[in-house]
PDB file of N, CA and C in Angstrom:
ATOM      1  N   MET A   1       0.853  -1.174   0.000  1.00  0.00           N
ATOM      2  CA  MET A   1       0.000   0.000   0.000  1.00  0.00           C
ATOM      3  C   MET A   1       0.903   1.243   0.000  1.00  0.00           C
ATOM      4  N   SER A   2       0.587   2.207  -0.840  1.00  0.00           N
ATOM      5  CA  SER A   2       1.383   3.430  -0.884  1.00  0.00           C
ATOM      6  C   SER A   2       1.093   4.280   0.352  1.00  0.00           C
ATOM      7  N   LYS A   3       1.908   5.296   0.551  1.00  0.00           N
ATOM      8  CA  LYS A   3       1.778   6.190   1.707  1.00  0.00           C
ATOM      9  C   LYS A   3       0.371   6.818   1.736  1.00  0.00           C
ATOM     10  N   ILE A   4      -0.254   6.758   2.887  1.00  0.00           N
ATOM     11  CA  ILE A   4      -1.608   7.295   3.043  1.00  0.00           C
ATOM     12  C   ILE A   4      -1.493   8.733   3.534  1.00  0.00           C
ATOM     13  N   THR A   5      -2.174   9.639   2.849  1.00  0.00           N
ATOM     14  CA  THR A   5      -2.118  11.049   3.249  1.00  0.00           C
ATOM     15  C   THR A   5      -3.104  11.302   4.383  1.00  0.00           C
ATOM     16  N   LYS A   6      -2.914  12.418   5.052  1.00  0.00           N
ATOM     17  CA  LYS A   6      -3.820  12.819   6.141  1.00  0.00           C
ATOM     18  C   LYS A   6      -5.241  12.986   5.594  1.00  0.00           C
ATOM     19  N   GLU A   7      -5.360  13.548   4.386  1.00  0.00           N
ATOM     20  CA  GLU A   7      -6.680  13.745   3.780  1.00  0.00           C
ATOM     21  C   GLU A   7      -7.363  12.404   3.499  1.00  0.00           C
ATOM     22  N   GLN A   8      -6.587  11.440   2.983  1.00  0.00           N
ATOM     23  CA  GLN A   8      -7.157  10.115   2.719  1.00  0.00           C
ATOM     24  C   GLN A   8      -7.607   9.464   4.034  1.00  0.00           C
ATOM     25  N   TYR A   9      -6.782   9.627   5.060  1.00  0.00           N
ATOM     26  CA  TYR A   9      -7.112   9.083   6.377  1.00  0.00           C
ATOM     27  C   TYR A   9      -8.407   9.696   6.895  1.00  0.00           C
ATOM     28  N   GLU A  10      -8.519  11.021   6.829  1.00  0.00           N
ATOM     29  CA  GLU A  10      -9.720  11.705   7.320  1.00  0.00           C
ATOM     30  C   GLU A  10     -10.963  11.272   6.539  1.00  0.00           C
ATOM     31  N   PHE A  11     -10.810  11.114   5.218  1.00  0.00           N
ATOM     32  CA  PHE A  11     -11.922  10.630   4.399  1.00  0.00           C
ATOM     33  C   PHE A  11     -12.317   9.218   4.846  1.00  0.00           C
ATOM     34  N   ALA A  12     -11.318   8.366   5.059  1.00  0.00           N
ATOM     35  CA  ALA A  12     -11.584   6.982   5.447  1.00  0.00           C
ATOM     36  C   ALA A  12     -12.296   6.924   6.801  1.00  0.00           C
ATOM     37  N   VAL A  13     -11.863   7.753   7.762  1.00  0.00           N
ATOM     38  CA  VAL A  13     -12.512   7.778   9.078  1.00  0.00           C
ATOM     39  C   VAL A  13     -13.980   8.186   8.929  1.00  0.00           C
ATOM     40  N   ALA A  14     -14.233   9.236   8.139  1.00  0.00           N
ATOM     41  CA  ALA A  14     -15.606   9.700   7.926  1.00  0.00           C
ATOM     42  C   ALA A  14     -16.443   8.600   7.268  1.00  0.00           C
ATOM     43  N   ARG A  15     -15.846   7.906   6.306  1.00  0.00           N
ATOM     44  CA  ARG A  15     -16.579   6.848   5.593  1.00  0.00           C
ATOM     45  C   ARG A  15     -16.879   5.671   6.524  1.00  0.00           C
ATOM     46  N   VAL A  16     -15.932   5.329   7.398  1.00  0.00           N
ATOM     47  CA  VAL A  16     -16.163   4.256   8.373  1.00  0.00           C
ATOM     48  C   VAL A  16     -17.379   4.607   9.226  1.00  0.00           C
ATOM     49  N   GLU A  17     -17.445   5.850   9.679  1.00  0.00           N
ATOM     50  CA  GLU A  17     -18.566   6.275  10.517  1.00  0.00           C
ATOM     51  C   GLU A  17     -19.896   6.192   9.770  1.00  0.00           C
ATOM     52  N   GLU A  18     -19.878   6.462   8.452  1.00  0.00           N
ATOM     53  CA  GLU A  18     -21.103   6.354   7.644  1.00  0.00           C
ATOM     54  C   GLU A  18     -21.511   4.895   7.439  1.00  0.00           C
ATOM     55  N   LEU A  19     -20.503   4.020   7.291  1.00  0.00           N
ATOM     56  CA  LEU A  19     -20.784   2.615   6.977  1.00  0.00           C
ATOM     57  C   LEU A  19     -21.145   1.774   8.208  1.00  0.00           C
ATOM     58  N   LEU A  20     -20.613   2.132   9.366  1.00  0.00           N
ATOM     59  CA  LEU A  20     -20.847   1.309  10.562  1.00  0.00           C
ATOM     60  C   LEU A  20     -22.318   1.016  10.838  1.00  0.00           C
ATOM     61  N   PRO A  21     -23.219   2.006  10.738  1.00  0.00           N
ATOM     62  CA  PRO A  21     -24.634   1.694  11.008  1.00  0.00           C
ATOM     63  C   PRO A  21     -25.257   0.754   9.970  1.00  0.00           C
ATOM     64  N   LEU A  22     -24.613   0.620   8.813  1.00  0.00           N
ATOM     65  CA  LEU A  22     -25.175  -0.200   7.726  1.00  0.00           C
ATOM     66  C   LEU A  22     -24.700  -1.650   7.759  1.00  0.00           C
ATOM     67  N   VAL A  23     -23.706  -1.933   8.609  1.00  0.00           N
ATOM     68  CA  VAL A  23     -23.110  -3.273   8.652  1.00  0.00           C
ATOM     69  C   VAL A  23     -23.170  -3.796  10.081  1.00  0.00           C
ATOM     70  N   ASP A  24     -23.675  -5.037  10.228  1.00  0.00           N
ATOM     71  CA  ASP A  24     -23.646  -5.661  11.545  1.00  0.00           C
ATOM     72  C   ASP A  24     -23.184  -7.103  11.411  1.00  0.00           C
ATOM     73  N   ASP A  25     -23.246  -7.858  12.488  1.00  0.00           N
ATOM     74  CA  ASP A  25     -22.739  -9.239  12.478  1.00  0.00           C
ATOM     75  C   ASP A  25     -23.486 -10.140  11.488  1.00  0.00           C
ATOM     76  N   ASP A  26     -24.714  -9.764  11.138  1.00  0.00           N
ATOM     77  CA  ASP A  26     -25.503 -10.590  10.217  1.00  0.00           C
ATOM     78  C   ASP A  26     -25.303 -10.207   8.753  1.00  0.00           C
ATOM     79  N   THR A  27     -24.546  -9.135   8.496  1.00  0.00           N
ATOM     80  CA  THR A  27     -24.310  -8.694   7.125  1.00  0.00           C
ATOM     81  C   THR A  27     -23.357  -9.677   6.446  1.00  0.00           C
ATOM     82  N   PRO A  28     -23.715 -10.183   5.251  1.00  0.00           N
ATOM     83  CA  PRO A  28     -22.818 -11.105   4.552  1.00  0.00           C
ATOM     84  C   PRO A  28     -21.469 -10.433   4.248  1.00  0.00           C
ATOM     85  N   ALA A  29     -20.392 -11.197   4.310  1.00  0.00           N
ATOM     86  CA  ALA A  29     -19.044 -10.660   4.078  1.00  0.00           C
ATOM     87  C   ALA A  29     -18.902 -10.074   2.674  1.00  0.00           C
ATOM     88  N   ASN A  30     -19.705 -10.568   1.717  1.00  0.00           N
ATOM     89  CA  ASN A  30     -19.590 -10.062   0.344  1.00  0.00           C
ATOM     90  C   ASN A  30     -20.545  -8.896   0.047  1.00  0.00           C
ATOM     91  N   ASP A  31     -21.252  -8.413   1.067  1.00  0.00           N
ATOM     92  CA  ASP A  31     -22.111  -7.232   0.914  1.00  0.00           C
ATOM     93  C   ASP A  31     -21.206  -6.039   0.580  1.00  0.00           C
ATOM     94  N   ARG A  32     -21.629  -5.187  -0.358  1.00  0.00           N
ATOM     95  CA  ARG A  32     -20.732  -4.111  -0.794  1.00  0.00           C
ATOM     96  C   ARG A  32     -20.376  -3.143   0.324  1.00  0.00           C
ATOM     97  N   ASN A  33     -21.307  -2.887   1.248  1.00  0.00           N
ATOM     98  CA  ASN A  33     -20.993  -2.021   2.390  1.00  0.00           C
ATOM     99  C   ASN A  33     -19.968  -2.683   3.317  1.00  0.00           C
ATOM    100  N   ALA A  34     -20.108  -3.987   3.512  1.00  0.00           N
ATOM    101  CA  ALA A  34     -19.169  -4.716   4.368  1.00  0.00           C
ATOM    102  C   ALA A  34     -17.777  -4.727   3.743  1.00  0.00           C
ATOM    103  N   VAL A  35     -17.723  -4.929   2.435  1.00  0.00           N
ATOM    104  CA  VAL A  35     -16.436  -4.937   1.729  1.00  0.00           C
ATOM    105  C   VAL A  35     -15.792  -3.558   1.817  1.00  0.00           C
ATOM    106  N   GLU A  36     -16.569  -2.515   1.556  1.00  0.00           N
ATOM    107  CA  GLU A  36     -16.029  -1.157   1.622  1.00  0.00           C
ATOM    108  C   GLU A  36     -15.585  -0.821   3.037  1.00  0.00           C
ATOM    109  N   LEU A  37     -16.373  -1.210   4.037  1.00  0.00           N
ATOM    110  CA  LEU A  37     -16.009  -0.941   5.426  1.00  0.00           C
ATOM    111  C   LEU A  37     -14.672  -1.606   5.761  1.00  0.00           C
ATOM    112  N   SER A  38     -14.492  -2.820   5.314  1.00  0.00           N
ATOM    113  CA  SER A  38     -13.234  -3.533   5.550  1.00  0.00           C
ATOM    114  C   SER A  38     -12.054  -2.790   4.903  1.00  0.00           C
ATOM    115  N   MET A  39     -12.256  -2.320   3.678  1.00  0.00           N
ATOM    116  CA  MET A  39     -11.176  -1.630   2.945  1.00  0.00           C
ATOM    117  C   MET A  39     -10.823  -0.288   3.594  1.00  0.00           C
ATOM    118  N   VAL A  40     -11.828   0.509   3.935  1.00  0.00           N
ATOM    119  CA  VAL A  40     -11.515   1.817   4.526  1.00  0.00           C
ATOM    120  C   VAL A  40     -10.980   1.644   5.952  1.00  0.00           C
ATOM    121  N   SER A  41     -11.414   0.592   6.644  1.00  0.00           N
ATOM    122  CA  SER A  41     -10.873   0.309   7.979  1.00  0.00           C
ATOM    123  C   SER A  41      -9.380  -0.007   7.894  1.00  0.00           C
ATOM    124  N   ASP A  42      -8.994  -0.751   6.860  1.00  0.00           N
ATOM    125  CA  ASP A  42      -7.568  -1.065   6.660  1.00  0.00           C
ATOM    126  C   ASP A  42      -6.746   0.207   6.460  1.00  0.00           C
ATOM    127  N   ILE A  43      -7.303   1.177   5.764  1.00  0.00           N
ATOM    128  CA  ILE A  43      -6.613   2.457   5.537  1.00  0.00           C
ATOM    129  C   ILE A  43      -6.442   3.186   6.872  1.00  0.00           C
ATOM    130  N   VAL A  44      -7.505   3.231   7.662  1.00  0.00           N
ATOM    131  CA  VAL A  44      -7.451   3.898   8.970  1.00  0.00           C
ATOM    132  C   VAL A  44      -6.402   3.218   9.857  1.00  0.00           C
ATOM    133  N   ILE A  45      -6.436   1.899   9.911  1.00  0.00           N
ATOM    134  CA  ILE A  45      -5.504   1.137  10.752  1.00  0.00           C
ATOM    135  C   ILE A  45      -4.061   1.380  10.317  1.00  0.00           C
ATOM    136  N   ALA A  46      -3.794   1.326   9.005  1.00  0.00           N
ATOM    137  CA  ALA A  46      -2.430   1.527   8.503  1.00  0.00           C
ATOM    138  C   ALA A  46      -1.917   2.922   8.845  1.00  0.00           C
ATOM    139  N   TYR A  47      -2.761   3.929   8.677  1.00  0.00           N
ATOM    140  CA  TYR A  47      -2.356   5.314   8.970  1.00  0.00           C
ATOM    141  C   TYR A  47      -2.088   5.480  10.463  1.00  0.00           C
ATOM    142  N   GLU A  48      -2.985   4.956  11.279  1.00  0.00           N
ATOM    143  CA  GLU A  48      -2.834   5.114  12.731  1.00  0.00           C
ATOM    144  C   GLU A  48      -1.630   4.348  13.263  1.00  0.00           C
ATOM    145  N   LYS A  49      -1.355   3.187  12.678  1.00  0.00           N
ATOM    146  CA  LYS A  49      -0.191   2.414  13.110  1.00  0.00           C
ATOM    147  C   LYS A  49       1.097   3.203  12.862  1.00  0.00           C
ATOM    148  N   GLU A  50       1.136   3.927  11.748  1.00  0.00           N
ATOM    149  CA  GLU A  50       2.319   4.712  11.407  1.00  0.00           C
ATOM    150  C   GLU A  50       2.386   6.019  12.197  1.00  0.00           C
ATOM    151  N   HIS A  51       1.266   6.695  12.349  1.00  0.00           N
ATOM    152  CA  HIS A  51       1.273   8.038  12.941  1.00  0.00           C
ATOM    153  C   HIS A  51       0.934   8.087  14.429  1.00  0.00           C
ATOM    154  N   TYR A  52       0.282   7.065  14.935  1.00  0.00           N
ATOM    155  CA  TYR A  52      -0.094   7.043  16.351  1.00  0.00           C
ATOM    156  C   TYR A  52       0.245   5.680  16.959  1.00  0.00           C
ATOM    157  N   PRO A  53       1.530   5.324  16.937  1.00  0.00           N
ATOM    158  CA  PRO A  53       1.879   3.996  17.465  1.00  0.00           C
ATOM    159  C   PRO A  53       1.560   3.896  18.955  1.00  0.00           C
ATOM    160  N   ILE A  54       1.133   2.728  19.358  1.00  0.00           N
ATOM    161  CA  ILE A  54       0.824   2.488  20.765  1.00  0.00           C
ATOM    162  C   ILE A  54       2.076   1.933  21.423  1.00  0.00           C
ATOM    163  N   GLU A  55       2.534   2.621  22.460  1.00  0.00           N
ATOM    164  CA  GLU A  55       3.729   2.168  23.150  1.00  0.00           C
ATOM    165  C   GLU A  55       3.385   1.016  24.079  1.00  0.00           C
ATOM    166  N   LYS A  56       4.372   0.149  24.282  1.00  0.00           N
ATOM    167  CA  LYS A  56       4.163  -0.969  25.190  1.00  0.00           C
ATOM    168  C   LYS A  56       4.028  -0.436  26.613  1.00  0.00           C
ATOM    169  N   PRO A  57       3.155  -1.062  27.421  1.00  0.00           N
ATOM    170  CA  PRO A  57       3.003  -0.594  28.800  1.00  0.00           C
ATOM    171  C   PRO A  57       4.274  -0.860  29.611  1.00  0.00           C
ATOM    172  N   THR A  58       4.530  -0.013  30.591  1.00  0.00           N
ATOM    173  CA  THR A  58       5.678  -0.204  31.469  1.00  0.00           C
ATOM    174  C   THR A  58       5.353  -1.305  32.472  1.00  0.00           C
ATOM    175  N   VAL A  59       6.395  -1.784  33.161  1.00  0.00           N
ATOM    176  CA  VAL A  59       6.194  -2.787  34.207  1.00  0.00           C
ATOM    177  C   VAL A  59       5.234  -2.232  35.250  1.00  0.00           C
ATOM    178  N   ALA A  60       5.420  -0.957  35.611  1.00  0.00           N
ATOM    179  CA  ALA A  60       4.556  -0.320  36.600  1.00  0.00           C
ATOM    180  C   ALA A  60       3.093  -0.349  36.150  1.00  0.00           C
ATOM    181  N   GLU A  61       2.851   0.007  34.888  1.00  0.00           N
ATOM    182  CA  GLU A  61       1.475   0.009  34.364  1.00  0.00           C
ATOM    183  C   GLU A  61       0.894  -1.402  34.332  1.00  0.00           C
ATOM    184  N   LEU A  62       1.710  -2.382  33.952  1.00  0.00           N
ATOM    185  CA  LEU A  62       1.238  -3.767  33.916  1.00  0.00           C
ATOM    186  C   LEU A  62       0.797  -4.237  35.301  1.00  0.00           C
ATOM    187  N   ILE A  63       1.613  -3.926  36.305  1.00  0.00           N
ATOM    188  CA  ILE A  63       1.280  -4.341  37.672  1.00  0.00           C
ATOM    189  C   ILE A  63       0.003  -3.646  38.130  1.00  0.00           C
ATOM    190  N   GLU A  64      -0.051  -2.329  37.922  1.00  0.00           N
ATOM    191  CA  GLU A  64      -1.218  -1.561  38.356  1.00  0.00           C
ATOM    192  C   GLU A  64      -2.504  -2.053  37.695  1.00  0.00           C
ATOM    193  N   LEU A  65      -2.466  -2.239  36.373  1.00  0.00           N
ATOM    194  CA  LEU A  65      -3.650  -2.714  35.643  1.00  0.00           C
ATOM    195  C   LEU A  65      -4.073  -4.107  36.099  1.00  0.00           C
ATOM    196  N   SER A  66      -3.090  -4.970  36.292  1.00  0.00           N
ATOM    197  CA  SER A  66      -3.395  -6.344  36.700  1.00  0.00           C
ATOM    198  C   SER A  66      -3.987  -6.392  38.099  1.00  0.00           C
ATOM    199  N   LEU A  67      -3.456  -5.562  39.004  1.00  0.00           N
ATOM    200  CA  LEU A  67      -4.028  -5.495  40.356  1.00  0.00           C
ATOM    201  C   LEU A  67      -5.488  -5.066  40.287  1.00  0.00           C
ATOM    202  N   GLU A  68      -5.738  -4.053  39.474  1.00  0.00           N
ATOM    203  CA  GLU A  68      -7.101  -3.541  39.319  1.00  0.00           C
ATOM    204  C   GLU A  68      -8.033  -4.618  38.757  1.00  0.00           C
ATOM    205  N   GLU A  69      -7.568  -5.310  37.707  1.00  0.00           N
ATOM    206  CA  GLU A  69      -8.384  -6.358  37.078  1.00  0.00           C
ATOM    207  C   GLU A  69      -8.720  -7.471  38.059  1.00  0.00           C
ATOM    208  N   LYS A  70      -7.753  -7.814  38.912  1.00  0.00           N
ATOM    209  CA  LYS A  70      -7.956  -8.908  39.861  1.00  0.00           C
ATOM    210  C   LYS A  70      -8.622  -8.446  41.151  1.00  0.00           C
ATOM    211  N   GLY A  71      -8.797  -7.120  41.314  1.00  0.00           N
ATOM    212  CA  GLY A  71      -9.385  -6.605  42.538  1.00  0.00           C
ATOM    213  C   GLY A  71      -8.502  -6.878  43.744  1.00  0.00           C
ATOM    214  N   MET A  72      -7.206  -6.774  43.528  1.00  0.00           N
ATOM    215  CA  MET A  72      -6.225  -7.119  44.546  1.00  0.00           C
ATOM    216  C   MET A  72      -5.496  -5.859  45.002  1.00  0.00           C
ATOM    217  N   THR A  73      -5.111  -5.801  46.270  1.00  0.00           N
ATOM    218  CA  THR A  73      -4.356  -4.647  46.769  1.00  0.00           C
ATOM    219  C   THR A  73      -2.859  -4.919  46.644  1.00  0.00           C
ATOM    220  N   GLN A  74      -2.075  -3.850  46.751  1.00  0.00           N
ATOM    221  CA  GLN A  74      -0.621  -3.999  46.729  1.00  0.00           C
ATOM    222  C   GLN A  74      -0.180  -4.875  47.902  1.00  0.00           C
ATOM    223  N   LYS A  75      -0.827  -4.687  49.040  1.00  0.00           N
ATOM    224  CA  LYS A  75      -0.484  -5.450  50.250  1.00  0.00           C
ATOM    225  C   LYS A  75      -0.751  -6.944  50.034  1.00  0.00           C
ATOM    226  N   GLU A  76      -1.895  -7.258  49.405  1.00  0.00           N
ATOM    227  CA  GLU A  76      -2.222  -8.666  49.133  1.00  0.00           C
ATOM    228  C   GLU A  76      -1.219  -9.280  48.161  1.00  0.00           C
ATOM    229  N   LEU A  77      -0.840  -8.517  47.150  1.00  0.00           N
ATOM    230  CA  LEU A  77       0.141  -9.006  46.180  1.00  0.00           C
ATOM    231  C   LEU A  77       1.474  -9.263  46.877  1.00  0.00           C
ATOM    232  N   ALA A  78       1.894  -8.311  47.697  1.00  0.00           N
ATOM    233  CA  ALA A  78       3.170  -8.455  48.415  1.00  0.00           C
ATOM    234  C   ALA A  78       3.167  -9.732  49.249  1.00  0.00           C
ATOM    235  N   ARG A  79       2.081  -9.955  49.993  1.00  0.00           N
ATOM    236  CA  ARG A  79       1.974 -11.149  50.842  1.00  0.00           C
ATOM    237  C   ARG A  79       2.019 -12.416  49.974  1.00  0.00           C
ATOM    238  N   GLU A  80       1.289 -12.380  48.868  1.00  0.00           N
ATOM    239  CA  GLU A  80       1.194 -13.553  47.979  1.00  0.00           C
ATOM    240  C   GLU A  80       2.565 -13.954  47.397  1.00  0.00           C
ATOM    241  N   ILE A  81       3.386 -12.978  47.040  1.00  0.00           N
ATOM    242  CA  ILE A  81       4.680 -13.324  46.417  1.00  0.00           C
ATOM    243  C   ILE A  81       5.857 -13.222  47.393  1.00  0.00           C
ATOM    244  N   GLY A  82       5.572 -12.854  48.645  1.00  0.00           N
ATOM    245  CA  GLY A  82       6.595 -12.894  49.679  1.00  0.00           C
ATOM    246  C   GLY A  82       7.597 -11.747  49.665  1.00  0.00           C
ATOM    247  N   ILE A  83       7.129 -10.549  49.341  1.00  0.00           N
ATOM    248  CA  ILE A  83       7.991  -9.363  49.425  1.00  0.00           C
ATOM    249  C   ILE A  83       7.246  -8.273  50.187  1.00  0.00           C
ATOM    250  N   SER A  84       7.947  -7.192  50.520  1.00  0.00           N
ATOM    251  CA  SER A  84       7.308  -6.135  51.306  1.00  0.00           C
ATOM    252  C   SER A  84       6.382  -5.281  50.437  1.00  0.00           C
ATOM    253  N   PRO A  85       5.310  -4.759  51.040  1.00  0.00           N
ATOM    254  CA  PRO A  85       4.413  -3.862  50.300  1.00  0.00           C
ATOM    255  C   PRO A  85       5.141  -2.631  49.756  1.00  0.00           C
ATOM    256  N   SER A  86       6.166  -2.164  50.467  1.00  0.00           N
ATOM    257  CA  SER A  86       6.902  -0.994  49.976  1.00  0.00           C
ATOM    258  C   SER A  86       7.661  -1.318  48.686  1.00  0.00           C
ATOM    259  N   ARG A  87       8.053  -2.581  48.543  1.00  0.00           N
ATOM    260  CA  ARG A  87       8.743  -2.992  47.308  1.00  0.00           C
ATOM    261  C   ARG A  87       7.764  -2.934  46.125  1.00  0.00           C
ATOM    262  N   ILE A  88       6.534  -3.399  46.338  1.00  0.00           N
ATOM    263  CA  ILE A  88       5.502  -3.325  45.293  1.00  0.00           C
ATOM    264  C   ILE A  88       5.290  -1.860  44.924  1.00  0.00           C
ATOM    265  N   SER A  89       5.215  -1.011  45.931  1.00  0.00           N
ATOM    266  CA  SER A  89       5.057   0.425  45.700  1.00  0.00           C
ATOM    267  C   SER A  89       6.214   0.974  44.861  1.00  0.00           C
ATOM    268  N   ASP A  90       7.432   0.503  45.136  1.00  0.00           N
ATOM    269  CA  ASP A  90       8.614   0.927  44.352  1.00  0.00           C
ATOM    270  C   ASP A  90       8.457   0.535  42.882  1.00  0.00           C
ATOM    271  N   TYR A  91       7.939  -0.672  42.630  1.00  0.00           N
ATOM    272  CA  TYR A  91       7.751  -1.128  41.240  1.00  0.00           C
ATOM    273  C   TYR A  91       6.694  -0.281  40.538  1.00  0.00           C
ATOM    274  N   ILE A  92       5.592   0.000  41.243  1.00  0.00           N
ATOM    275  CA  ILE A  92       4.493   0.755  40.637  1.00  0.00           C
ATOM    276  C   ILE A  92       4.874   2.212  40.394  1.00  0.00           C
ATOM    277  N   SER A  93       5.690   2.773  41.264  1.00  0.00           N
ATOM    278  CA  SER A  93       6.109   4.169  41.092  1.00  0.00           C
ATOM    279  C   SER A  93       7.248   4.301  40.083  1.00  0.00           C
ATOM    280  N   GLY A  94       7.849   3.157  39.714  1.00  0.00           N
ATOM    281  CA  GLY A  94       8.972   3.205  38.776  1.00  0.00           C
ATOM    282  C   GLY A  94      10.309   3.446  39.456  1.00  0.00           C
ATOM    283  N   ARG A  95      10.343   3.451  40.795  1.00  0.00           N
ATOM    284  CA  ARG A  95      11.607   3.659  41.520  1.00  0.00           C
ATOM    285  C   ARG A  95      12.512   2.441  41.440  1.00  0.00           C
ATOM    286  N   ALA A  96      11.915   1.262  41.159  1.00  0.00           N
ATOM    287  CA  ALA A  96      12.702   0.030  41.079  1.00  0.00           C
ATOM    288  C   ALA A  96      12.097  -0.904  40.043  1.00  0.00           C
ATOM    289  N   GLU A  97      12.932  -1.770  39.516  1.00  0.00           N
ATOM    290  CA  GLU A  97      12.495  -2.818  38.588  1.00  0.00           C
ATOM    291  C   GLU A  97      12.571  -4.152  39.327  1.00  0.00           C
ATOM    292  N   PRO A  98      11.613  -5.032  39.116  1.00  0.00           N
ATOM    293  CA  PRO A  98      11.674  -6.326  39.810  1.00  0.00           C
ATOM    294  C   PRO A  98      12.826  -7.195  39.295  1.00  0.00           C
ATOM    295  N   THR A  99      13.351  -8.019  40.185  1.00  0.00           N
ATOM    296  CA  THR A  99      14.359  -9.000  39.778  1.00  0.00           C
ATOM    297  C   THR A  99      13.657 -10.039  38.905  1.00  0.00           C
ATOM    298  N   LEU A 100      14.419 -10.876  38.237  1.00  0.00           N
ATOM    299  CA  LEU A 100      13.807 -11.923  37.404  1.00  0.00           C
ATOM    300  C   LEU A 100      12.931 -12.855  38.244  1.00  0.00           C
ATOM    301  N   ARG A 101      13.393 -13.189  39.459  1.00  0.00           N
ATOM    302  CA  ARG A 101      12.619 -14.071  40.334  1.00  0.00           C
ATOM    303  C   ARG A 101      11.271 -13.428  40.666  1.00  0.00           C
ATOM    304  N   VAL A 102      11.303 -12.151  41.040  1.00  0.00           N
ATOM    305  CA  VAL A 102      10.068 -11.436  41.383  1.00  0.00           C
ATOM    306  C   VAL A 102       9.198 -11.253  40.137  1.00  0.00           C
ATOM    307  N   ALA A 103       9.832 -10.955  39.005  1.00  0.00           N
ATOM    308  CA  ALA A 103       9.074 -10.796  37.753  1.00  0.00           C
ATOM    309  C   ALA A 103       8.318 -12.084  37.427  1.00  0.00           C
ATOM    310  N   ARG A 104       8.977 -13.215  37.628  1.00  0.00           N
ATOM    311  CA  ARG A 104       8.325 -14.514  37.367  1.00  0.00           C
ATOM    312  C   ARG A 104       7.112 -14.692  38.293  1.00  0.00           C
ATOM    313  N   LEU A 105       7.284 -14.335  39.575  1.00  0.00           N
ATOM    314  CA  LEU A 105       6.172 -14.441  40.538  1.00  0.00           C
ATOM    315  C   LEU A 105       5.041 -13.475  40.174  1.00  0.00           C
ATOM    316  N   LEU A 106       5.389 -12.260  39.744  1.00  0.00           N
ATOM    317  CA  LEU A 106       4.372 -11.289  39.326  1.00  0.00           C
ATOM    318  C   LEU A 106       3.577 -11.828  38.144  1.00  0.00           C
ATOM    319  N   CYS A 107       4.287 -12.387  37.171  1.00  0.00           N
ATOM    320  CA  CYS A 107       3.623 -12.948  35.985  1.00  0.00           C
ATOM    321  C   CYS A 107       2.649 -14.047  36.388  1.00  0.00           C
ATOM    322  N   ARG A 108       3.106 -14.939  37.242  1.00  0.00           N
ATOM    323  CA  ARG A 108       2.270 -16.070  37.655  1.00  0.00           C
ATOM    324  C   ARG A 108       1.065 -15.589  38.467  1.00  0.00           C
ATOM    325  N   THR A 109       1.306 -14.711  39.433  1.00  0.00           N
ATOM    326  CA  THR A 109       0.246 -14.267  40.338  1.00  0.00           C
ATOM    327  C   THR A 109      -0.769 -13.361  39.653  1.00  0.00           C
ATOM    328  N   LEU A 110      -0.274 -12.473  38.772  1.00  0.00           N
ATOM    329  CA  LEU A 110      -1.158 -11.485  38.144  1.00  0.00           C
ATOM    330  C   LEU A 110      -1.595 -11.876  36.727  1.00  0.00           C
ATOM    331  N   SER A 111      -1.189 -13.074  36.280  1.00  0.00           N
ATOM    332  CA  SER A 111      -1.523 -13.553  34.922  1.00  0.00           C
ATOM    333  C   SER A 111      -1.016 -12.565  33.851  1.00  0.00           C
ATOM    334  N   ILE A 112       0.222 -12.116  34.018  1.00  0.00           N
ATOM    335  CA  ILE A 112       0.853 -11.233  33.036  1.00  0.00           C
ATOM    336  C   ILE A 112       1.739 -12.087  32.138  1.00  0.00           C
ATOM    337  N   GLN A 113       1.680 -11.854  30.841  1.00  0.00           N
ATOM    338  CA  GLN A 113       2.553 -12.581  29.922  1.00  0.00           C
ATOM    339  C   GLN A 113       3.999 -12.197  30.196  1.00  0.00           C
ATOM    340  N   PRO A 114       4.909 -13.182  30.330  1.00  0.00           N
ATOM    341  CA  PRO A 114       6.325 -12.859  30.570  1.00  0.00           C
ATOM    342  C   PRO A 114       6.904 -11.912  29.511  1.00  0.00           C
ATOM    343  N   SER A 115       6.501 -12.083  28.258  1.00  0.00           N
ATOM    344  CA  SER A 115       7.019 -11.207  27.199  1.00  0.00           C
ATOM    345  C   SER A 115       6.635  -9.756  27.441  1.00  0.00           C
ATOM    346  N   ALA A 116       5.472  -9.529  28.056  1.00  0.00           N
ATOM    347  CA  ALA A 116       5.030  -8.161  28.335  1.00  0.00           C
ATOM    348  C   ALA A 116       5.892  -7.529  29.422  1.00  0.00           C
ATOM    349  N   ILE A 117       6.178  -8.298  30.461  1.00  0.00           N
ATOM    350  CA  ILE A 117       6.988  -7.753  31.556  1.00  0.00           C
ATOM    351  C   ILE A 117       8.421  -7.518  31.098  1.00  0.00           C
ATOM    352  N   LEU A 118       8.892  -8.340  30.150  1.00  0.00           N
ATOM    353  CA  LEU A 118      10.256  -8.173  29.638  1.00  0.00           C
ATOM    354  C   LEU A 118      10.311  -7.115  28.545  1.00  0.00           C
ATOM    355  N   GLY A 119       9.148  -6.609  28.145  1.00  0.00           N
ATOM    356  CA  GLY A 119       9.098  -5.546  27.132  1.00  0.00           C
ATOM    357  C   GLY A 119       9.393  -6.016  25.734  1.00  0.00           C
ATOM    358  N   ILE A 120       9.074  -7.284  25.430  1.00  0.00           N
ATOM    359  CA  ILE A 120       9.341  -7.806  24.082  1.00  0.00           C
ATOM    360  C   ILE A 120       8.088  -7.710  23.239  1.00  0.00           C
TER     361      ILE A 120
END
């Protein structure tokens, strides 16, 4: 695909908004609105991937989000993996990075993918 201009991107976004109400889960894949929606969506995605890349979350963000998802406190996490609550606070504030041993325990306890914690 050639370089997408800002104008093409803006047109594609507007067209997606027009097409969305016309296409739902029951619309056949070969319906012309569904086909067009797929094509203009690809343009939007390609432009946004280039111009608005999403950065990988930090270790601190991963821990914070996972605690929230699990409804767990920092104190409960600390007790579960056998470290002090202040150490968890250090990881969340970015003052410290977990050791590999602690990172492994965080991954297991919080259901975080190891590749995410390693930033891969």
